[in-house]
Amino acid sequence: MAKRFRVRELEELYPDLEQRIVHVVNQYNGEGQKIAAEIFGLSQPTVCNYLKANGYKRVVRYEKERAS
């Protein structure tokens, strides 16, 4: 279970917390929120809510594979 007010503590430690979380989430695609939660000591829903509160939304992108 995540510690109460953990996001505030992290924002004081890391002024660029938003960019750090977004980087981790994007780096690990489907598991990104889970991994970010583990790294920063947050719950996965907290990471999701933090991103939404800061104007981010999840975008799924489909691309056609090119034949080689």
N, C-alpha and C. Protein backbone atom coordinates (compact mmCIF):
# COMPACT_ATOMS: atom_id res chain seq x y z
N MET A 1 0.84 -1.18 0.00
CA MET A 1 0.00 0.00 0.00
C MET A 1 0.89 1.24 0.00
N ALA A 2 0.51 2.21 -0.79
CA ALA A 2 1.31 3.43 -0.92
C ALA A 2 1.18 4.31 0.33
N LYS A 3 2.24 5.01 0.60
CA LYS A 3 2.29 5.91 1.74
C LYS A 3 1.51 7.19 1.42
N ARG A 4 0.75 7.67 2.37
CA ARG A 4 -0.04 8.86 2.17
C ARG A 4 0.87 10.07 1.96
N PHE A 5 0.51 10.93 1.03
CA PHE A 5 1.24 12.15 0.68
C PHE A 5 2.61 11.86 0.05
N ARG A 6 2.79 10.65 -0.46
CA ARG A 6 4.05 10.27 -1.09
C ARG A 6 4.34 11.14 -2.31
N VAL A 7 3.32 11.50 -3.07
CA VAL A 7 3.53 12.32 -4.26
C VAL A 7 4.12 13.67 -3.86
N ARG A 8 3.62 14.27 -2.80
CA ARG A 8 4.17 15.55 -2.34
C ARG A 8 5.64 15.42 -1.98
N GLU A 9 5.98 14.36 -1.29
CA GLU A 9 7.37 14.12 -0.91
C GLU A 9 8.25 13.99 -2.16
N LEU A 10 7.76 13.24 -3.12
CA LEU A 10 8.52 13.04 -4.35
C LEU A 10 8.68 14.33 -5.14
N GLU A 11 7.63 15.16 -5.17
CA GLU A 11 7.72 16.44 -5.88
C GLU A 11 8.74 17.37 -5.24
N GLU A 12 8.90 17.27 -3.92
CA GLU A 12 9.92 18.07 -3.25
C GLU A 12 11.31 17.54 -3.57
N LEU A 13 11.45 16.21 -3.63
CA LEU A 13 12.74 15.60 -3.96
C LEU A 13 13.13 15.80 -5.42
N TYR A 14 12.15 15.64 -6.30
CA TYR A 14 12.40 15.72 -7.74
C TYR A 14 11.49 16.77 -8.37
N PRO A 15 12.00 17.97 -8.62
CA PRO A 15 11.18 19.00 -9.26
C PRO A 15 10.67 18.57 -10.64
N ASP A 16 11.36 17.63 -11.28
CA ASP A 16 10.97 17.14 -12.60
C ASP A 16 10.25 15.78 -12.51
N LEU A 17 9.54 15.56 -11.41
CA LEU A 17 8.87 14.27 -11.18
C LEU A 17 7.95 13.88 -12.34
N GLU A 18 7.21 14.84 -12.84
CA GLU A 18 6.27 14.55 -13.93
C GLU A 18 7.01 13.93 -15.13
N GLN A 19 8.11 14.53 -15.54
CA GLN A 19 8.87 14.01 -16.67
C GLN A 19 9.46 12.64 -16.35
N ARG A 20 9.90 12.43 -15.12
CA ARG A 20 10.47 11.14 -14.73
C ARG A 20 9.42 10.03 -14.82
N ILE A 21 8.23 10.30 -14.30
CA ILE A 21 7.16 9.29 -14.35
C ILE A 21 6.76 9.00 -15.78
N VAL A 22 6.58 10.04 -16.57
CA VAL A 22 6.19 9.85 -17.97
C VAL A 22 7.25 9.05 -18.72
N HIS A 23 8.50 9.34 -18.47
CA HIS A 23 9.58 8.61 -19.14
C HIS A 23 9.52 7.12 -18.82
N VAL A 24 9.35 6.78 -17.55
CA VAL A 24 9.30 5.37 -17.16
C VAL A 24 8.08 4.69 -17.76
N VAL A 25 6.93 5.34 -17.68
CA VAL A 25 5.69 4.75 -18.21
C VAL A 25 5.82 4.50 -19.70
N ASN A 26 6.36 5.45 -20.43
CA ASN A 26 6.49 5.29 -21.88
C ASN A 26 7.58 4.28 -22.25
N GLN A 27 8.60 4.18 -21.43
CA GLN A 27 9.70 3.27 -21.72
C GLN A 27 9.26 1.82 -21.65
N TYR A 28 8.34 1.50 -20.74
CA TYR A 28 7.95 0.11 -20.54
C TYR A 28 6.55 -0.23 -21.06
N ASN A 29 5.99 0.61 -21.90
CA ASN A 29 4.69 0.38 -22.54
C ASN A 29 3.63 -0.19 -21.60
N GLY A 30 3.18 -1.41 -21.82
CA GLY A 30 2.08 -2.00 -21.07
C GLY A 30 2.32 -2.14 -19.58
N GLU A 31 3.55 -2.32 -19.18
CA GLU A 31 3.88 -2.49 -17.77
C GLU A 31 4.39 -1.19 -17.14
N GLY A 32 4.36 -0.10 -17.89
CA GLY A 32 4.97 1.16 -17.45
C GLY A 32 4.43 1.72 -16.16
N GLN A 33 3.11 1.74 -16.00
CA GLN A 33 2.53 2.28 -14.77
C GLN A 33 2.91 1.43 -13.57
N LYS A 34 2.91 0.13 -13.75
CA LYS A 34 3.27 -0.78 -12.66
C LYS A 34 4.72 -0.57 -12.25
N ILE A 35 5.61 -0.48 -13.22
CA ILE A 35 7.03 -0.30 -12.93
C ILE A 35 7.29 1.07 -12.31
N ALA A 36 6.64 2.11 -12.83
CA ALA A 36 6.78 3.45 -12.25
C ALA A 36 6.31 3.45 -10.80
N ALA A 37 5.23 2.77 -10.53
CA ALA A 37 4.71 2.68 -9.16
C ALA A 37 5.73 2.02 -8.24
N GLU A 38 6.35 0.96 -8.71
CA GLU A 38 7.36 0.26 -7.91
C GLU A 38 8.59 1.13 -7.68
N ILE A 39 9.04 1.81 -8.72
CA ILE A 39 10.24 2.64 -8.62
C ILE A 39 10.04 3.79 -7.64
N PHE A 40 8.88 4.44 -7.71
CA PHE A 40 8.65 5.64 -6.91
C PHE A 40 7.91 5.38 -5.60
N GLY A 41 7.58 4.12 -5.33
CA GLY A 41 6.90 3.80 -4.08
C GLY A 41 5.47 4.28 -4.03
N LEU A 42 4.80 4.21 -5.17
CA LEU A 42 3.40 4.62 -5.28
C LEU A 42 2.56 3.41 -5.65
N SER A 43 1.24 3.59 -5.62
CA SER A 43 0.36 2.54 -6.13
C SER A 43 0.13 2.80 -7.62
N GLN A 44 -0.24 1.78 -8.33
CA GLN A 44 -0.50 1.93 -9.76
C GLN A 44 -1.65 2.92 -10.03
N PRO A 45 -2.75 2.86 -9.27
CA PRO A 45 -3.81 3.86 -9.48
C PRO A 45 -3.34 5.29 -9.22
N THR A 46 -2.42 5.47 -8.27
CA THR A 46 -1.89 6.80 -8.00
C THR A 46 -1.12 7.32 -9.20
N VAL A 47 -0.33 6.46 -9.82
CA VAL A 47 0.41 6.86 -11.02
C VAL A 47 -0.58 7.25 -12.12
N CYS A 48 -1.60 6.44 -12.32
CA CYS A 48 -2.62 6.73 -13.34
C CYS A 48 -3.30 8.06 -13.07
N ASN A 49 -3.74 8.27 -11.83
CA ASN A 49 -4.41 9.52 -11.47
C ASN A 49 -3.48 10.72 -11.59
N TYR A 50 -2.22 10.55 -11.23
CA TYR A 50 -1.24 11.63 -11.34
C TYR A 50 -1.08 12.05 -12.80
N LEU A 51 -0.97 11.07 -13.68
CA LEU A 51 -0.81 11.39 -15.10
C LEU A 51 -2.05 12.08 -15.65
N LYS A 52 -3.22 11.58 -15.30
CA LYS A 52 -4.47 12.20 -15.77
C LYS A 52 -4.59 13.63 -15.25
N ALA A 53 -4.25 13.84 -13.99
CA ALA A 53 -4.34 15.18 -13.37
C ALA A 53 -3.38 16.16 -14.03
N ASN A 54 -2.31 15.65 -14.62
CA ASN A 54 -1.34 16.52 -15.28
C ASN A 54 -1.55 16.60 -16.79
N GLY A 55 -2.73 16.16 -17.26
CA GLY A 55 -3.11 16.34 -18.65
C GLY A 55 -2.69 15.25 -19.62
N TYR A 56 -2.23 14.13 -19.13
CA TYR A 56 -1.83 13.02 -20.00
C TYR A 56 -3.00 12.07 -20.20
N LYS A 57 -3.01 11.43 -21.37
CA LYS A 57 -3.99 10.37 -21.61
C LYS A 57 -3.29 9.26 -22.37
N ARG A 58 -3.78 8.06 -22.16
CA ARG A 58 -3.19 6.89 -22.80
C ARG A 58 -3.65 6.83 -24.25
N VAL A 59 -2.70 6.64 -25.13
CA VAL A 59 -2.99 6.55 -26.55
C VAL A 59 -2.45 5.22 -27.06
N VAL A 60 -3.32 4.45 -27.68
CA VAL A 60 -2.90 3.19 -28.29
C VAL A 60 -2.77 3.45 -29.77
N ARG A 61 -1.67 2.99 -30.33
CA ARG A 61 -1.40 3.28 -31.73
C ARG A 61 -1.18 1.97 -32.47
N TYR A 62 -1.86 1.83 -33.58
CA TYR A 62 -1.69 0.65 -34.42
C TYR A 62 -0.96 1.05 -35.68
N GLU A 63 0.01 0.25 -36.07
CA GLU A 63 0.74 0.47 -37.29
C GLU A 63 0.82 -0.83 -38.07
N LYS A 64 0.75 -0.73 -39.35
CA LYS A 64 0.85 -1.90 -40.20
C LYS A 64 2.31 -2.25 -40.40
N GLU A 65 2.63 -3.53 -40.25
CA GLU A 65 3.99 -3.97 -40.46
C GLU A 65 4.32 -3.93 -41.94
N ARG A 66 5.54 -3.54 -42.20
CA ARG A 66 5.98 -3.50 -43.60
C ARG A 66 6.61 -4.85 -43.96
N ALA A 67 6.26 -5.32 -45.13
CA ALA A 67 6.84 -6.58 -45.58
C ALA A 67 8.30 -6.36 -45.99
N SER A 68 9.14 -7.29 -45.60
CA SER A 68 10.57 -7.12 -45.93
C SER A 68 11.00 -8.01 -47.06
